[in-house]
Amino acid sequence: QVQLVESGGGLAQAGGSLRLSCAASGRTFSTYAMGWFRQAPGKERKFVAGISSIGYNTYYADSVKGRFTISRDNARSTVYLEMNNLEPEDTAVYYCAAASPLVGGGTSPRNYDYWGQGTQVTVSS
């Protein structure tokens, strides 16, 4: 069982930056691939960024590539999402998610077993 708690959301201006954190419980954090997803009002939840269990591999949605960076600190059981050059279209609730070792992550929400409660990010123009 993994429990995830996001933090760091808030209000930013277009062109600004925010850093999201996701703290995980449990001693097996380093075996889980992690992902960040977002969901805007009235829209489906979409993949933003993913990172492998040890952190060697990262991958991004085209819409955030070059602006967002995912990273993790397994010693602190925390995954981060650094968001730069924010755009109003980035406004959404952001969720972190953990994928069991058998599945290994990816871009589909169905691959993830555990989810945080979400943190709101609002970008004003």
C-alpha atoms as a PDB file:
ATOM      1  CA  GLN A   1       0.000   0.000   0.000  1.00  0.00           C
ATOM      2  CA  VAL A   2       1.292   3.440  -0.933  1.00  0.00           C
ATOM      3  CA  GLN A   3      -0.177   6.743   0.182  1.00  0.00           C
ATOM      4  CA  LEU A   4       0.630   9.869  -1.796  1.00  0.00           C
ATOM      5  CA  VAL A   5       0.290  13.491  -0.724  1.00  0.00           C
ATOM      6  CA  GLU A   6       0.855  16.329  -3.192  1.00  0.00           C
ATOM      7  CA  SER A   7       1.829  19.875  -2.292  1.00  0.00           C
ATOM      8  CA  GLY A   8       3.131  23.017  -3.953  1.00  0.00           C
ATOM      9  CA  GLY A   9       0.190  24.002  -6.096  1.00  0.00           C
ATOM     10  CA  GLY A  10      -1.133  27.525  -6.217  1.00  0.00           C
ATOM     11  CA  LEU A  11      -1.530  30.576  -8.386  1.00  0.00           C
ATOM     12  CA  ALA A  12       1.109  31.685 -10.878  1.00  0.00           C
ATOM     13  CA  GLN A  13       1.301  34.157 -13.694  1.00  0.00           C
ATOM     14  CA  ALA A  14       1.952  33.101 -17.260  1.00  0.00           C
ATOM     15  CA  GLY A  15       5.680  32.664 -17.699  1.00  0.00           C
ATOM     16  CA  GLY A  16       6.150  31.890 -14.031  1.00  0.00           C
ATOM     17  CA  SER A  17       7.184  28.739 -12.225  1.00  0.00           C
ATOM     18  CA  LEU A  18       5.876  26.332  -9.618  1.00  0.00           C
ATOM     19  CA  ARG A  19       7.326  23.206  -8.059  1.00  0.00           C
ATOM     20  CA  LEU A  20       5.048  20.358  -7.050  1.00  0.00           C
ATOM     21  CA  SER A  21       6.054  17.706  -4.547  1.00  0.00           C
ATOM     22  CA  CYS A  22       4.529  14.322  -3.865  1.00  0.00           C
ATOM     23  CA  ALA A  23       5.475  12.585  -0.629  1.00  0.00           C
ATOM     24  CA  ALA A  24       4.927   8.830  -0.452  1.00  0.00           C
ATOM     25  CA  SER A  25       4.505   6.564   2.506  1.00  0.00           C
ATOM     26  CA  GLY A  26       5.860   3.051   2.691  1.00  0.00           C
ATOM     27  CA  ARG A  27       9.308   1.548   2.477  1.00  0.00           C
ATOM     28  CA  THR A  28       9.046   0.335  -1.116  1.00  0.00           C
ATOM     29  CA  PHE A  29       8.878   3.718  -2.855  1.00  0.00           C
ATOM     30  CA  SER A  30      12.013   2.992  -4.876  1.00  0.00           C
ATOM     31  CA  THR A  31      10.308   0.054  -6.593  1.00  0.00           C
ATOM     32  CA  TYR A  32       7.470   2.149  -8.031  1.00  0.00           C
ATOM     33  CA  ALA A  33       7.489   4.067 -11.263  1.00  0.00           C
ATOM     34  CA  MET A  34       5.872   7.448 -10.688  1.00  0.00           C
ATOM     35  CA  GLY A  35       3.818   9.768 -12.828  1.00  0.00           C
ATOM     36  CA  TRP A  36       2.162  13.157 -12.823  1.00  0.00           C
ATOM     37  CA  PHE A  37      -1.237  13.654 -14.415  1.00  0.00           C
ATOM     38  CA  ARG A  38      -3.551  16.638 -14.626  1.00  0.00           C
ATOM     39  CA  GLN A  39      -7.247  17.184 -15.052  1.00  0.00           C
ATOM     40  CA  ALA A  40      -8.886  20.413 -16.139  1.00  0.00           C
ATOM     41  CA  PRO A  41     -12.579  21.060 -15.416  1.00  0.00           C
ATOM     42  CA  GLY A  42     -14.807  19.020 -17.683  1.00  0.00           C
ATOM     43  CA  LYS A  43     -11.894  17.166 -19.243  1.00  0.00           C
ATOM     44  CA  GLU A  44     -10.366  13.749 -18.800  1.00  0.00           C
ATOM     45  CA  ARG A  45      -7.258  13.127 -16.747  1.00  0.00           C
ATOM     46  CA  LYS A  46      -4.150  13.373 -18.901  1.00  0.00           C
ATOM     47  CA  PHE A  47      -0.558  12.256 -18.569  1.00  0.00           C
ATOM     48  CA  VAL A  48       2.025  14.962 -17.895  1.00  0.00           C
ATOM     49  CA  ALA A  49       5.317  13.281 -16.973  1.00  0.00           C
ATOM     50  CA  GLY A  50       6.691   9.950 -15.806  1.00  0.00           C
ATOM     51  CA  ILE A  51       9.849   8.622 -14.202  1.00  0.00           C
ATOM     52  CA  SER A  52      11.182   5.110 -13.733  1.00  0.00           C
ATOM     53  CA  SER A  53      11.670   3.574 -10.309  1.00  0.00           C
ATOM     54  CA  ILE A  54      15.344   4.464 -10.007  1.00  0.00           C
ATOM     55  CA  GLY A  55      15.002   7.672 -11.992  1.00  0.00           C
ATOM     56  CA  TYR A  56      17.091   6.833 -15.020  1.00  0.00           C
ATOM     57  CA  ASN A  57      14.243   7.238 -17.478  1.00  0.00           C
ATOM     58  CA  THR A  58      11.909  10.209 -17.783  1.00  0.00           C
ATOM     59  CA  TYR A  59       9.239  10.985 -20.367  1.00  0.00           C
ATOM     60  CA  TYR A  60       6.827  13.829 -21.000  1.00  0.00           C
ATOM     61  CA  ALA A  61       3.682  14.828 -22.787  1.00  0.00           C
ATOM     62  CA  ASP A  62       4.470  16.917 -25.853  1.00  0.00           C
ATOM     63  CA  SER A  63       2.583  19.859 -24.380  1.00  0.00           C
ATOM     64  CA  VAL A  64       5.032  20.202 -21.467  1.00  0.00           C
ATOM     65  CA  LYS A  65       8.285  18.970 -22.991  1.00  0.00           C
ATOM     66  CA  GLY A  66      11.047  21.487 -22.460  1.00  0.00           C
ATOM     67  CA  ARG A  67       9.087  23.333 -19.748  1.00  0.00           C
ATOM     68  CA  PHE A  68       8.456  20.709 -17.061  1.00  0.00           C
ATOM     69  CA  THR A  69      10.958  18.428 -15.334  1.00  0.00           C
ATOM     70  CA  ILE A  70      10.133  15.362 -13.267  1.00  0.00           C
ATOM     71  CA  SER A  71      12.593  14.063 -10.695  1.00  0.00           C
ATOM     72  CA  ARG A  72      12.606  11.879  -7.609  1.00  0.00           C
ATOM     73  CA  ASP A  73      14.513  11.458  -4.373  1.00  0.00           C
ATOM     74  CA  ASN A  74      14.107   7.871  -3.236  1.00  0.00           C
ATOM     75  CA  ALA A  75      15.834   8.585   0.075  1.00  0.00           C
ATOM     76  CA  ARG A  76      13.022  11.049   0.857  1.00  0.00           C
ATOM     77  CA  SER A  77      10.300   9.003  -0.890  1.00  0.00           C
ATOM     78  CA  THR A  78       9.356  12.089  -2.872  1.00  0.00           C
ATOM     79  CA  VAL A  79       8.755  12.873  -6.515  1.00  0.00           C
ATOM     80  CA  TYR A  80       8.831  16.402  -7.894  1.00  0.00           C
ATOM     81  CA  LEU A  81       7.477  18.278 -10.881  1.00  0.00           C
ATOM     82  CA  GLU A  82       9.295  21.492 -11.710  1.00  0.00           C
ATOM     83  CA  MET A  83       7.090  23.623 -13.945  1.00  0.00           C
ATOM     84  CA  ASN A  84       8.595  26.569 -15.785  1.00  0.00           C
ATOM     85  CA  ASN A  85       7.278  29.005 -18.375  1.00  0.00           C
ATOM     86  CA  LEU A  86       3.745  28.239 -17.266  1.00  0.00           C
ATOM     87  CA  GLU A  87       0.832  28.851 -19.600  1.00  0.00           C
ATOM     88  CA  PRO A  88      -2.864  29.398 -18.814  1.00  0.00           C
ATOM     89  CA  GLU A  89      -3.493  26.034 -20.498  1.00  0.00           C
ATOM     90  CA  ASP A  90      -1.544  24.385 -17.667  1.00  0.00           C
ATOM     91  CA  THR A  91      -4.364  25.236 -15.252  1.00  0.00           C
ATOM     92  CA  ALA A  92      -5.653  21.982 -13.767  1.00  0.00           C
ATOM     93  CA  VAL A  93      -5.655  19.769 -10.725  1.00  0.00           C
ATOM     94  CA  TYR A  94      -2.368  17.884 -10.697  1.00  0.00           C
ATOM     95  CA  TYR A  95      -2.150  14.332  -9.390  1.00  0.00           C
ATOM     96  CA  CYS A  96       0.823  12.144  -8.673  1.00  0.00           C
ATOM     97  CA  ALA A  97       0.489   8.407  -9.111  1.00  0.00           C
ATOM     98  CA  ALA A  98       2.471   5.267  -8.391  1.00  0.00           C
ATOM     99  CA  ALA A  99       2.672   2.210 -10.631  1.00  0.00           C
ATOM    100  CA  SER A 100       3.473  -1.189  -9.182  1.00  0.00           C
ATOM    101  CA  PRO A 101       6.713  -2.885 -10.274  1.00  0.00           C
ATOM    102  CA  LEU A 102       4.786  -5.402 -12.377  1.00  0.00           C
ATOM    103  CA  VAL A 103       3.276  -2.686 -14.566  1.00  0.00           C
ATOM    104  CA  GLY A 104       6.033  -0.121 -14.567  1.00  0.00           C
ATOM    105  CA  GLY A 105       4.246   3.128 -15.350  1.00  0.00           C
ATOM    106  CA  GLY A 106       3.679   4.629 -18.773  1.00  0.00           C
ATOM    107  CA  THR A 107       1.267   7.269 -20.029  1.00  0.00           C
ATOM    108  CA  SER A 108      -2.074   5.594 -19.304  1.00  0.00           C
ATOM    109  CA  PRO A 109      -3.784   6.300 -15.961  1.00  0.00           C
ATOM    110  CA  ARG A 110      -4.868   2.653 -15.941  1.00  0.00           C
ATOM    111  CA  ASN A 111      -1.267   1.611 -15.352  1.00  0.00           C
ATOM    112  CA  TYR A 112      -1.150   3.339 -11.976  1.00  0.00           C
ATOM    113  CA  ASP A 113      -2.391   1.773  -8.762  1.00  0.00           C
ATOM    114  CA  TYR A 114      -2.158   4.599  -6.255  1.00  0.00           C
ATOM    115  CA  TRP A 115      -3.149   8.254  -6.512  1.00  0.00           C
ATOM    116  CA  GLY A 116      -2.790  11.367  -4.446  1.00  0.00           C
ATOM    117  CA  GLN A 117      -5.653  13.721  -3.660  1.00  0.00           C
ATOM    118  CA  GLY A 118      -4.491  16.331  -6.151  1.00  0.00           C
ATOM    119  CA  THR A 119      -3.260  19.905  -5.926  1.00  0.00           C
ATOM    120  CA  GLN A 120      -4.690  22.854  -7.838  1.00  0.00           C
ATOM    121  CA  VAL A 121      -2.491  24.819 -10.221  1.00  0.00           C
ATOM    122  CA  THR A 122      -3.931  28.010 -11.661  1.00  0.00           C
ATOM    123  CA  VAL A 123      -2.058  30.084 -14.223  1.00  0.00           C
ATOM    124  CA  SER A 124      -3.303  33.563 -14.995  1.00  0.00           C
ATOM    125  CA  SER A 125      -2.638  35.339 -18.274  1.00  0.00           C
END
